[in-house]
Amino acid sequence: SGLDEDVRAFVMEHPVTVEFMNRMKDMLNFLLPNYREEGKHRLVIAV
């Protein structure tokens, strides 16, 4: 499963995953402070 190191490494090492994670981090860095500012105290991210 994705909890095992071999699967995790397979998924995370691909260039498309690296780009996806970088874009995702940028989006979360933008969204979370704005959600918080609007009074949202819990956010559920489903993957």
ModelCIF file with pLDDT and N, C-alpha, C, O atoms, coordinates in Angstrom:
data_MODEL
#
_entry.id   MODEL 
#
_entity.id                         1 
_entity.type                       polymer 
_entity.pdbx_number_of_molecules   1 
#
_entity_poly.entity_id                      1 
_entity_poly.type                           'polypeptide(L)' 
_entity_poly.nstd_linkage                   no 
_entity_poly.nstd_monomer                   no 
_entity_poly.pdbx_seq_one_letter_code       SGLDEDVRAFVMEHPVTVEFMNRMKDMLNFLLPNYREEGKHRLVIAV 
_entity_poly.pdbx_seq_one_letter_code_can   SGLDEDVRAFVMEHPVTVEFMNRMKDMLNFLLPNYREEGKHRLVIAV 
_entity_poly.pdbx_strand_id                 A 
#
loop_
_entity_poly_seq.entity_id 
_entity_poly_seq.num 
_entity_poly_seq.mon_id 
_entity_poly_seq.hetero 
1 1  SER n 
1 2  GLY n 
1 3  LEU n 
1 4  ASP n 
1 5  GLU n 
1 6  ASP n 
1 7  VAL n 
1 8  ARG n 
1 9  ALA n 
1 10 PHE n 
1 11 VAL n 
1 12 MET n 
1 13 GLU n 
1 14 HIS n 
1 15 PRO n 
1 16 VAL n 
1 17 THR n 
1 18 VAL n 
1 19 GLU n 
1 20 PHE n 
1 21 MET n 
1 22 ASN n 
1 23 ARG n 
1 24 MET n 
1 25 LYS n 
1 26 ASP n 
1 27 MET n 
1 28 LEU n 
1 29 ASN n 
1 30 PHE n 
1 31 LEU n 
1 32 LEU n 
1 33 PRO n 
1 34 ASN n 
1 35 TYR n 
1 36 ARG n 
1 37 GLU n 
1 38 GLU n 
1 39 GLY n 
1 40 LYS n 
1 41 HIS n 
1 42 ARG n 
1 43 LEU n 
1 44 VAL n 
1 45 ILE n 
1 46 ALA n 
1 47 VAL n 
#
_struct_asym.id          A 
_struct_asym.entity_id   1 
#
loop_
_ma_qa_metric.id 
_ma_qa_metric.mode 
_ma_qa_metric.name 
_ma_qa_metric.software_group_id 
_ma_qa_metric.type 
1 global pLDDT . pLDDT 
2 local  pLDDT . pLDDT 
#
_ma_qa_metric_global.metric_id      1 
_ma_qa_metric_global.metric_value   91.13 
_ma_qa_metric_global.model_id       1 
_ma_qa_metric_global.ordinal_id     1 
#
loop_
_ma_qa_metric_local.label_asym_id 
_ma_qa_metric_local.label_comp_id 
_ma_qa_metric_local.label_seq_id 
_ma_qa_metric_local.metric_id 
_ma_qa_metric_local.metric_value 
_ma_qa_metric_local.model_id 
_ma_qa_metric_local.ordinal_id 
A SER 1  2 93.00 1 1  
A GLY 2  2 94.00 1 2  
A LEU 3  2 94.00 1 3  
A ASP 4  2 94.00 1 4  
A GLU 5  2 95.00 1 5  
A ASP 6  2 95.00 1 6  
A VAL 7  2 95.00 1 7  
A ARG 8  2 95.00 1 8  
A ALA 9  2 96.00 1 9  
A PHE 10 2 96.00 1 10 
A VAL 11 2 96.00 1 11 
A MET 12 2 96.00 1 12 
A GLU 13 2 94.00 1 13 
A HIS 14 2 95.00 1 14 
A PRO 15 2 96.00 1 15 
A VAL 16 2 97.00 1 16 
A THR 17 2 97.00 1 17 
A VAL 18 2 97.00 1 18 
A GLU 19 2 97.00 1 19 
A PHE 20 2 97.00 1 20 
A MET 21 2 97.00 1 21 
A ASN 22 2 96.00 1 22 
A ARG 23 2 96.00 1 23 
A MET 24 2 95.00 1 24 
A LYS 25 2 95.00 1 25 
A ASP 26 2 96.00 1 26 
A MET 27 2 96.00 1 27 
A LEU 28 2 95.00 1 28 
A ASN 29 2 93.00 1 29 
A PHE 30 2 95.00 1 30 
A LEU 31 2 94.00 1 31 
A LEU 32 2 92.00 1 32 
A PRO 33 2 87.00 1 33 
A ASN 34 2 87.00 1 34 
A TYR 35 2 85.00 1 35 
A ARG 36 2 77.00 1 36 
A GLU 37 2 72.00 1 37 
A GLU 38 2 70.00 1 38 
A GLY 39 2 62.00 1 39 
A LYS 40 2 72.00 1 40 
A HIS 41 2 70.00 1 41 
A ARG 42 2 79.00 1 42 
A LEU 43 2 90.00 1 43 
A VAL 44 2 93.00 1 44 
A ILE 45 2 96.00 1 45 
A ALA 46 2 97.00 1 46 
A VAL 47 2 97.00 1 47 
#
loop_
_atom_site.group_PDB 
_atom_site.id 
_atom_site.type_symbol 
_atom_site.label_atom_id 
_atom_site.label_alt_id 
_atom_site.label_comp_id 
_atom_site.label_asym_id 
_atom_site.label_entity_id 
_atom_site.label_seq_id 
_atom_site.pdbx_PDB_ins_code 
_atom_site.Cartn_x 
_atom_site.Cartn_y 
_atom_site.Cartn_z 
_atom_site.occupancy 
_atom_site.B_iso_or_equiv 
_atom_site.pdbx_formal_charge 
_atom_site.auth_seq_id 
_atom_site.auth_comp_id 
_atom_site.auth_asym_id 
_atom_site.auth_atom_id 
_atom_site.pdbx_PDB_model_num 
ATOM 1   N N  . SER A 1 1  ? 0.838   -1.202 0.000   1.00 93.00 ? 1  SER A N  1 
ATOM 2   C CA . SER A 1 1  ? 0.000   0.000  0.000   1.00 93.00 ? 1  SER A CA 1 
ATOM 3   C C  . SER A 1 1  ? 0.871   1.250  0.000   1.00 93.00 ? 1  SER A C  1 
ATOM 4   O O  . SER A 1 1  ? 2.098   1.184  0.071   1.00 93.00 ? 1  SER A O  1 
ATOM 5   N N  . GLY A 1 2  ? 0.196   2.385  -0.082  1.00 94.00 ? 2  GLY A N  1 
ATOM 6   C CA . GLY A 1 2  ? 0.909   3.658  -0.051  1.00 94.00 ? 2  GLY A CA 1 
ATOM 7   C C  . GLY A 1 2  ? 1.580   3.956  1.268   1.00 94.00 ? 2  GLY A C  1 
ATOM 8   O O  . GLY A 1 2  ? 2.317   4.936  1.378   1.00 94.00 ? 2  GLY A O  1 
ATOM 9   N N  . LEU A 1 3  ? 1.339   3.119  2.285   1.00 94.00 ? 3  LEU A N  1 
ATOM 10  C CA . LEU A 1 3  ? 2.055   3.259  3.556   1.00 94.00 ? 3  LEU A CA 1 
ATOM 11  C C  . LEU A 1 3  ? 3.413   2.569  3.518   1.00 94.00 ? 3  LEU A C  1 
ATOM 12  O O  . LEU A 1 3  ? 4.266   2.826  4.368   1.00 94.00 ? 3  LEU A O  1 
ATOM 13  N N  . ASP A 1 4  ? 3.618   1.684  2.522   1.00 94.00 ? 4  ASP A N  1 
ATOM 14  C CA . ASP A 1 4  ? 4.893   0.982  2.394   1.00 94.00 ? 4  ASP A CA 1 
ATOM 15  C C  . ASP A 1 4  ? 5.884   1.823  1.607   1.00 94.00 ? 4  ASP A C  1 
ATOM 16  O O  . ASP A 1 4  ? 5.520   2.531  0.667   1.00 94.00 ? 4  ASP A O  1 
ATOM 17  N N  . GLU A 1 5  ? 7.145   1.729  2.013   1.00 95.00 ? 5  GLU A N  1 
ATOM 18  C CA . GLU A 1 5  ? 8.170   2.595  1.438   1.00 95.00 ? 5  GLU A CA 1 
ATOM 19  C C  . GLU A 1 5  ? 8.340   2.369  -0.063  1.00 95.00 ? 5  GLU A C  1 
ATOM 20  O O  . GLU A 1 5  ? 8.563   3.327  -0.805  1.00 95.00 ? 5  GLU A O  1 
ATOM 21  N N  . ASP A 1 6  ? 8.238   1.111  -0.528  1.00 95.00 ? 6  ASP A N  1 
ATOM 22  C CA . ASP A 1 6  ? 8.467   0.854  -1.953  1.00 95.00 ? 6  ASP A CA 1 
ATOM 23  C C  . ASP A 1 6  ? 7.372   1.490  -2.814  1.00 95.00 ? 6  ASP A C  1 
ATOM 24  O O  . ASP A 1 6  ? 7.662   2.041  -3.875  1.00 95.00 ? 6  ASP A O  1 
ATOM 25  N N  . VAL A 1 7  ? 6.123   1.416  -2.364  1.00 95.00 ? 7  VAL A N  1 
ATOM 26  C CA . VAL A 1 7  ? 5.027   2.046  -3.107  1.00 95.00 ? 7  VAL A CA 1 
ATOM 27  C C  . VAL A 1 7  ? 5.148   3.565  -3.018  1.00 95.00 ? 7  VAL A C  1 
ATOM 28  O O  . VAL A 1 7  ? 4.991   4.269  -4.016  1.00 95.00 ? 7  VAL A O  1 
ATOM 29  N N  . ARG A 1 8  ? 5.428   4.060  -1.819  1.00 95.00 ? 8  ARG A N  1 
ATOM 30  C CA . ARG A 1 8  ? 5.577   5.508  -1.646  1.00 95.00 ? 8  ARG A CA 1 
ATOM 31  C C  . ARG A 1 8  ? 6.655   6.059  -2.571  1.00 95.00 ? 8  ARG A C  1 
ATOM 32  O O  . ARG A 1 8  ? 6.460   7.089  -3.217  1.00 95.00 ? 8  ARG A O  1 
ATOM 33  N N  . ALA A 1 9  ? 7.800   5.366  -2.632  1.00 96.00 ? 9  ALA A N  1 
ATOM 34  C CA . ALA A 1 9  ? 8.900   5.821  -3.486  1.00 96.00 ? 9  ALA A CA 1 
ATOM 35  C C  . ALA A 1 9  ? 8.501   5.787  -4.954  1.00 96.00 ? 9  ALA A C  1 
ATOM 36  O O  . ALA A 1 9  ? 8.828   6.703  -5.709  1.00 96.00 ? 9  ALA A O  1 
ATOM 37  N N  . PHE A 1 10 ? 7.794   4.734  -5.364  1.00 96.00 ? 10 PHE A N  1 
ATOM 38  C CA . PHE A 1 10 ? 7.356   4.628  -6.759  1.00 96.00 ? 10 PHE A CA 1 
ATOM 39  C C  . PHE A 1 10 ? 6.454   5.794  -7.131  1.00 96.00 ? 10 PHE A C  1 
ATOM 40  O O  . PHE A 1 10 ? 6.619   6.394  -8.193  1.00 96.00 ? 10 PHE A O  1 
ATOM 41  N N  . VAL A 1 11 ? 5.505   6.115  -6.265  1.00 96.00 ? 11 VAL A N  1 
ATOM 42  C CA . VAL A 1 11 ? 4.553   7.187  -6.559  1.00 96.00 ? 11 VAL A CA 1 
ATOM 43  C C  . VAL A 1 11 ? 5.243   8.542  -6.551  1.00 96.00 ? 11 VAL A C  1 
ATOM 44  O O  . VAL A 1 11 ? 5.030   9.356  -7.449  1.00 96.00 ? 11 VAL A O  1 
ATOM 45  N N  . MET A 1 12 ? 6.058   8.783  -5.552  1.00 96.00 ? 12 MET A N  1 
ATOM 46  C CA . MET A 1 12 ? 6.592   10.129 -5.334  1.00 96.00 ? 12 MET A CA 1 
ATOM 47  C C  . MET A 1 12 ? 7.763   10.485 -6.231  1.00 96.00 ? 12 MET A C  1 
ATOM 48  O O  . MET A 1 12 ? 8.056   11.667 -6.407  1.00 96.00 ? 12 MET A O  1 
ATOM 49  N N  . GLU A 1 13 ? 8.443   9.498  -6.805  1.00 94.00 ? 13 GLU A N  1 
ATOM 50  C CA . GLU A 1 13 ? 9.654   9.809  -7.561  1.00 94.00 ? 13 GLU A CA 1 
ATOM 51  C C  . GLU A 1 13 ? 9.379   10.271 -8.990  1.00 94.00 ? 13 GLU A C  1 
ATOM 52  O O  . GLU A 1 13 ? 10.273  10.825 -9.631  1.00 94.00 ? 13 GLU A O  1 
ATOM 53  N N  . HIS A 1 14 ? 8.171   10.059 -9.504  1.00 95.00 ? 14 HIS A N  1 
ATOM 54  C CA . HIS A 1 14 ? 7.869   10.440 -10.885 1.00 95.00 ? 14 HIS A CA 1 
ATOM 55  C C  . HIS A 1 14 ? 7.800   11.965 -11.016 1.00 95.00 ? 14 HIS A C  1 
ATOM 56  O O  . HIS A 1 14 ? 7.279   12.641 -10.129 1.00 95.00 ? 14 HIS A O  1 
ATOM 57  N N  . PRO A 1 15 ? 8.317   12.501 -12.109 1.00 96.00 ? 15 PRO A N  1 
ATOM 58  C CA . PRO A 1 15 ? 8.301   13.961 -12.313 1.00 96.00 ? 15 PRO A CA 1 
ATOM 59  C C  . PRO A 1 15 ? 6.900   14.564 -12.224 1.00 96.00 ? 15 PRO A C  1 
ATOM 60  O O  . PRO A 1 15 ? 6.725   15.669 -11.710 1.00 96.00 ? 15 PRO A O  1 
ATOM 61  N N  . VAL A 1 16 ? 5.900   13.829 -12.728 1.00 97.00 ? 16 VAL A N  1 
ATOM 62  C CA . VAL A 1 16 ? 4.549   14.377 -12.686 1.00 97.00 ? 16 VAL A CA 1 
ATOM 63  C C  . VAL A 1 16 ? 4.065   14.507 -11.237 1.00 97.00 ? 16 VAL A C  1 
ATOM 64  O O  . VAL A 1 16 ? 3.309   15.425 -10.918 1.00 97.00 ? 16 VAL A O  1 
ATOM 65  N N  . THR A 1 17 ? 4.493   13.599 -10.364 1.00 97.00 ? 17 THR A N  1 
ATOM 66  C CA . THR A 1 17 ? 4.113   13.691 -8.954  1.00 97.00 ? 17 THR A CA 1 
ATOM 67  C C  . THR A 1 17 ? 4.825   14.855 -8.287  1.00 97.00 ? 17 THR A C  1 
ATOM 68  O O  . THR A 1 17 ? 4.230   15.581 -7.491  1.00 97.00 ? 17 THR A O  1 
ATOM 69  N N  . VAL A 1 18 ? 6.095   15.030 -8.611  1.00 97.00 ? 18 VAL A N  1 
ATOM 70  C CA . VAL A 1 18 ? 6.862   16.145 -8.041  1.00 97.00 ? 18 VAL A CA 1 
ATOM 71  C C  . VAL A 1 18 ? 6.211   17.472 -8.413  1.00 97.00 ? 18 VAL A C  1 
ATOM 72  O O  . VAL A 1 18 ? 6.052   18.346 -7.561  1.00 97.00 ? 18 VAL A O  1 
ATOM 73  N N  . GLU A 1 19 ? 5.832   17.628 -9.685  1.00 97.00 ? 19 GLU A N  1 
ATOM 74  C CA . GLU A 1 19 ? 5.194   18.869 -10.119 1.00 97.00 ? 19 GLU A CA 1 
ATOM 75  C C  . GLU A 1 19 ? 3.843   19.046 -9.445  1.00 97.00 ? 19 GLU A C  1 
ATOM 76  O O  . GLU A 1 19 ? 3.489   20.147 -9.022  1.00 97.00 ? 19 GLU A O  1 
ATOM 77  N N  . PHE A 1 20 ? 3.082   17.941 -9.346  1.00 97.00 ? 20 PHE A N  1 
ATOM 78  C CA . PHE A 1 20 ? 1.783   18.007 -8.696  1.00 97.00 ? 20 PHE A CA 1 
ATOM 79  C C  . PHE A 1 20 ? 1.914   18.460 -7.250  1.00 97.00 ? 20 PHE A C  1 
ATOM 80  O O  . PHE A 1 20 ? 1.160   19.324 -6.802  1.00 97.00 ? 20 PHE A O  1 
ATOM 81  N N  . MET A 1 21 ? 2.864   17.886 -6.513  1.00 97.00 ? 21 MET A N  1 
ATOM 82  C CA . MET A 1 21 ? 3.039   18.240 -5.107  1.00 97.00 ? 21 MET A CA 1 
ATOM 83  C C  . MET A 1 21 ? 3.470   19.691 -4.957  1.00 97.00 ? 21 MET A C  1 
ATOM 84  O O  . MET A 1 21 ? 3.019   20.371 -4.036  1.00 97.00 ? 21 MET A O  1 
ATOM 85  N N  . ASN A 1 22 ? 4.325   20.176 -5.832  1.00 96.00 ? 22 ASN A N  1 
ATOM 86  C CA . ASN A 1 22 ? 4.743   21.578 -5.763  1.00 96.00 ? 22 ASN A CA 1 
ATOM 87  C C  . ASN A 1 22 ? 3.558   22.515 -5.986  1.00 96.00 ? 22 ASN A C  1 
ATOM 88  O O  . ASN A 1 22 ? 3.404   23.511 -5.280  1.00 96.00 ? 22 ASN A O  1 
ATOM 89  N N  . ARG A 1 23 ? 2.731   22.190 -6.964  1.00 96.00 ? 23 ARG A N  1 
ATOM 90  C CA . ARG A 1 23 ? 1.540   23.016 -7.225  1.00 96.00 ? 23 ARG A CA 1 
ATOM 91  C C  . ARG A 1 23 ? 0.545   22.910 -6.068  1.00 96.00 ? 23 ARG A C  1 
ATOM 92  O O  . ARG A 1 23 ? -0.094  23.892 -5.690  1.00 96.00 ? 23 ARG A O  1 
ATOM 93  N N  . MET A 1 24 ? 0.427   21.704 -5.514  1.00 95.00 ? 24 MET A N  1 
ATOM 94  C CA . MET A 1 24 ? -0.489  21.512 -4.392  1.00 95.00 ? 24 MET A CA 1 
ATOM 95  C C  . MET A 1 24 ? -0.039  22.323 -3.180  1.00 95.00 ? 24 MET A C  1 
ATOM 96  O O  . MET A 1 24 ? -0.868  22.945 -2.515  1.00 95.00 ? 24 MET A O  1 
ATOM 97  N N  . LYS A 1 25 ? 1.242   22.325 -2.889  1.00 95.00 ? 25 LYS A N  1 
ATOM 98  C CA . LYS A 1 25 ? 1.756   23.098 -1.761  1.00 95.00 ? 25 LYS A CA 1 
ATOM 99  C C  . LYS A 1 25 ? 1.473   24.587 -1.945  1.00 95.00 ? 25 LYS A C  1 
ATOM 100 O O  . LYS A 1 25 ? 1.075   25.269 -1.001  1.00 95.00 ? 25 LYS A O  1 
ATOM 101 N N  . ASP A 1 26 ? 1.681   25.085 -3.160  1.00 96.00 ? 26 ASP A N  1 
ATOM 102 C CA . ASP A 1 26 ? 1.388   26.493 -3.430  1.00 96.00 ? 26 ASP A CA 1 
ATOM 103 C C  . ASP A 1 26 ? -0.095  26.797 -3.197  1.00 96.00 ? 26 ASP A C  1 
ATOM 104 O O  . ASP A 1 26 ? -0.444  27.828 -2.621  1.00 96.00 ? 26 ASP A O  1 
ATOM 105 N N  . MET A 1 27 ? -0.962  25.882 -3.654  1.00 96.00 ? 27 MET A N  1 
ATOM 106 C CA . MET A 1 27 ? -2.396  26.105 -3.483  1.00 96.00 ? 27 MET A CA 1 
ATOM 107 C C  . MET A 1 27 ? -2.779  26.105 -2.011  1.00 96.00 ? 27 MET A C  1 
ATOM 108 O O  . MET A 1 27 ? -3.548  26.962 -1.577  1.00 96.00 ? 27 MET A O  1 
ATOM 109 N N  . LEU A 1 28 ? -2.253  25.152 -1.230  1.00 95.00 ? 28 LEU A N  1 
ATOM 110 C CA . LEU A 1 28 ? -2.577  25.081 0.189   1.00 95.00 ? 28 LEU A CA 1 
ATOM 111 C C  . LEU A 1 28 ? -2.024  26.282 0.943   1.00 95.00 ? 28 LEU A C  1 
ATOM 112 O O  . LEU A 1 28 ? -2.668  26.791 1.860   1.00 95.00 ? 28 LEU A O  1 
ATOM 113 N N  . ASN A 1 29 ? -0.832  26.738 0.563   1.00 93.00 ? 29 ASN A N  1 
ATOM 114 C CA . ASN A 1 29 ? -0.253  27.918 1.204   1.00 93.00 ? 29 ASN A CA 1 
ATOM 115 C C  . ASN A 1 29 ? -1.118  29.158 0.970   1.00 93.00 ? 29 ASN A C  1 
ATOM 116 O O  . ASN A 1 29 ? -1.162  30.067 1.799   1.00 93.00 ? 29 ASN A O  1 
ATOM 117 N N  . PHE A 1 30 ? -1.801  29.177 -0.169  1.00 95.00 ? 30 PHE A N  1 
ATOM 118 C CA . PHE A 1 30 ? -2.719  30.289 -0.463  1.00 95.00 ? 30 PHE A CA 1 
ATOM 119 C C  . PHE A 1 30 ? -4.065  30.097 0.232   1.00 95.00 ? 30 PHE A C  1 
ATOM 120 O O  . PHE A 1 30 ? -4.599  31.033 0.828   1.00 95.00 ? 30 PHE A O  1 
ATOM 121 N N  . LEU A 1 31 ? -4.617  28.875 0.153   1.00 94.00 ? 31 LEU A N  1 
ATOM 122 C CA . LEU A 1 31 ? -5.979  28.638 0.625   1.00 94.00 ? 31 LEU A CA 1 
ATOM 123 C C  . LEU A 1 31 ? -6.119  28.683 2.141   1.00 94.00 ? 31 LEU A C  1 
ATOM 124 O O  . LEU A 1 31 ? -7.031  29.329 2.659   1.00 94.00 ? 31 LEU A O  1 
ATOM 125 N N  . LEU A 1 32 ? -5.224  28.002 2.860   1.00 92.00 ? 32 LEU A N  1 
ATOM 126 C CA . LEU A 1 32 ? -5.435  27.825 4.295   1.00 92.00 ? 32 LEU A CA 1 
ATOM 127 C C  . LEU A 1 32 ? -5.506  29.138 5.064   1.00 92.00 ? 32 LEU A C  1 
ATOM 128 O O  . LEU A 1 32 ? -6.418  29.303 5.875   1.00 92.00 ? 32 LEU A O  1 
ATOM 129 N N  . PRO A 1 33 ? -4.585  30.087 4.848   1.00 87.00 ? 33 PRO A N  1 
ATOM 130 C CA . PRO A 1 33 ? -4.716  31.361 5.564   1.00 87.00 ? 33 PRO A CA 1 
ATOM 131 C C  . PRO A 1 33 ? -6.007  32.099 5.218   1.00 87.00 ? 33 PRO A C  1 
ATOM 132 O O  . PRO A 1 33 ? -6.586  32.770 6.073   1.00 87.00 ? 33 PRO A O  1 
ATOM 133 N N  . ASN A 1 34 ? -6.464  31.979 3.958   1.00 87.00 ? 34 ASN A N  1 
ATOM 134 C CA . ASN A 1 34 ? -7.695  32.660 3.564   1.00 87.00 ? 34 ASN A CA 1 
ATOM 135 C C  . ASN A 1 34 ? -8.929  31.984 4.141   1.00 87.00 ? 34 ASN A C  1 
ATOM 136 O O  . ASN A 1 34 ? -9.875  32.657 4.549   1.00 87.00 ? 34 ASN A O  1 
ATOM 137 N N  . TYR A 1 35 ? -8.924  30.644 4.175   1.00 85.00 ? 35 TYR A N  1 
ATOM 138 C CA . TYR A 1 35 ? -10.013 29.931 4.850   1.00 85.00 ? 35 TYR A CA 1 
ATOM 139 C C  . TYR A 1 35 ? -10.081 30.345 6.318   1.00 85.00 ? 35 TYR A C  1 
ATOM 140 O O  . TYR A 1 35 ? -11.150 30.619 6.862   1.00 85.00 ? 35 TYR A O  1 
ATOM 141 N N  . ARG A 1 36 ? -8.913  30.380 6.933   1.00 77.00 ? 36 ARG A N  1 
ATOM 142 C CA . ARG A 1 36 ? -8.840  30.734 8.361   1.00 77.00 ? 36 ARG A CA 1 
ATOM 143 C C  . ARG A 1 36 ? -9.352  32.153 8.594   1.00 77.00 ? 36 ARG A C  1 
ATOM 144 O O  . ARG A 1 36 ? -10.057 32.414 9.569   1.00 77.00 ? 36 ARG A O  1 
ATOM 145 N N  . GLU A 1 37 ? -8.997  33.061 7.701   1.00 72.00 ? 37 GLU A N  1 
ATOM 146 C CA . GLU A 1 37 ? -9.409  34.458 7.827   1.00 72.00 ? 37 GLU A CA 1 
ATOM 147 C C  . GLU A 1 37 ? -10.928 34.595 7.748   1.00 72.00 ? 37 GLU A C  1 
ATOM 148 O O  . GLU A 1 37 ? -11.513 35.480 8.372   1.00 72.00 ? 37 GLU A O  1 
ATOM 149 N N  . GLU A 1 38 ? -11.555 33.716 6.979   1.00 70.00 ? 38 GLU A N  1 
ATOM 150 C CA . GLU A 1 38 ? -13.008 33.763 6.820   1.00 70.00 ? 38 GLU A CA 1 
ATOM 151 C C  . GLU A 1 38 ? -13.742 32.992 7.911   1.00 70.00 ? 38 GLU A C  1 
ATOM 152 O O  . GLU A 1 38 ? -14.965 32.859 7.858   1.00 70.00 ? 38 GLU A O  1 
ATOM 153 N N  . GLY A 1 39 ? -13.004 32.481 8.905   1.00 62.00 ? 39 GLY A N  1 
ATOM 154 C CA . GLY A 1 39 ? -13.643 31.826 10.041  1.00 62.00 ? 39 GLY A CA 1 
ATOM 155 C C  . GLY A 1 39 ? -13.805 30.329 9.916   1.00 62.00 ? 39 GLY A C  1 
ATOM 156 O O  . GLY A 1 39 ? -14.486 29.719 10.741  1.00 62.00 ? 39 GLY A O  1 
ATOM 157 N N  . LYS A 1 40 ? -13.198 29.709 8.902   1.00 72.00 ? 40 LYS A N  1 
ATOM 158 C CA . LYS A 1 40 ? -13.275 28.252 8.763   1.00 72.00 ? 40 LYS A CA 1 
ATOM 159 C C  . LYS A 1 40 ? -12.214 27.625 9.661   1.00 72.00 ? 40 LYS A C  1 
ATOM 160 O O  . LYS A 1 40 ? -11.039 27.986 9.588   1.00 72.00 ? 40 LYS A O  1 
ATOM 161 N N  . HIS A 1 41 ? -12.633 26.684 10.508  1.00 70.00 ? 41 HIS A N  1 
ATOM 162 C CA . HIS A 1 41 ? -11.712 26.108 11.474  1.00 70.00 ? 41 HIS A CA 1 
ATOM 163 C C  . HIS A 1 41 ? -11.384 24.649 11.202  1.00 70.00 ? 41 HIS A C  1 
ATOM 164 O O  . HIS A 1 41 ? -10.523 24.069 11.865  1.00 70.00 ? 41 HIS A O  1 
ATOM 165 N N  . ARG A 1 42 ? -12.071 24.048 10.221  1.00 79.00 ? 42 ARG A N  1 
ATOM 166 C CA . ARG A 1 42 ? -11.793 22.652 9.887   1.00 79.00 ? 42 ARG A CA 1 
ATOM 167 C C  . ARG A 1 42 ? -11.890 22.481 8.385   1.00 79.00 ? 42 ARG A C  1 
ATOM 168 O O  . ARG A 1 42 ? -12.853 22.929 7.763   1.00 79.00 ? 42 ARG A O  1 
ATOM 169 N N  . LEU A 1 43 ? -10.890 21.832 7.803   1.00 90.00 ? 43 LEU A N  1 
ATOM 170 C CA . LEU A 1 43 ? -10.858 21.608 6.363   1.00 90.00 ? 43 LEU A CA 1 
ATOM 171 C C  . LEU A 1 43 ? -10.590 20.128 6.111   1.00 90.00 ? 43 LEU A C  1 
ATOM 172 O O  . LEU A 1 43 ? -9.626  19.566 6.631   1.00 90.00 ? 43 LEU A O  1 
ATOM 173 N N  . VAL A 1 44 ? -11.451 19.502 5.311   1.00 93.00 ? 44 VAL A N  1 
ATOM 174 C CA . VAL A 1 44 ? -11.269 18.093 4.957   1.00 93.00 ? 44 VAL A CA 1 
ATOM 175 C C  . VAL A 1 44 ? -10.817 18.013 3.507   1.00 93.00 ? 44 VAL A C  1 
ATOM 176 O O  . VAL A 1 44 ? -11.546 18.407 2.596   1.00 93.00 ? 44 VAL A O  1 
ATOM 177 N N  . ILE A 1 45 ? -9.606  17.500 3.300   1.00 96.00 ? 45 ILE A N  1 
ATOM 178 C CA . ILE A 1 45 ? -9.053  17.314 1.962   1.00 96.00 ? 45 ILE A CA 1 
ATOM 179 C C  . ILE A 1 45 ? -9.120  15.829 1.634   1.00 96.00 ? 45 ILE A C  1 
ATOM 180 O O  . ILE A 1 45 ? -8.468  15.019 2.291   1.00 96.00 ? 45 ILE A O  1 
ATOM 181 N N  . ALA A 1 46 ? -9.900  15.469 0.626   1.00 97.00 ? 46 ALA A N  1 
ATOM 182 C CA . ALA A 1 46 ? -10.031 14.068 0.223   1.00 97.00 ? 46 ALA A CA 1 
ATOM 183 C C  . ALA A 1 46 ? -9.170  13.819 -1.010  1.00 97.00 ? 46 ALA A C  1 
ATOM 184 O O  . ALA A 1 46 ? -9.250  14.556 -1.993  1.00 97.00 ? 46 ALA A O  1 
ATOM 185 N N  . VAL A 1 47 ? -8.349  12.779 -0.950  1.00 97.00 ? 47 VAL A N  1 
ATOM 186 C CA . VAL A 1 47 ? -7.442  12.433 -2.041  1.00 97.00 ? 47 VAL A CA 1 
ATOM 187 C C  . VAL A 1 47 ? -7.861  11.067 -2.571  1.00 97.00 ? 47 VAL A C  1 
ATOM 188 O O  . VAL A 1 47 ? -7.245  10.550 -3.503  1.00 97.00 ? 47 VAL A O  1 
#
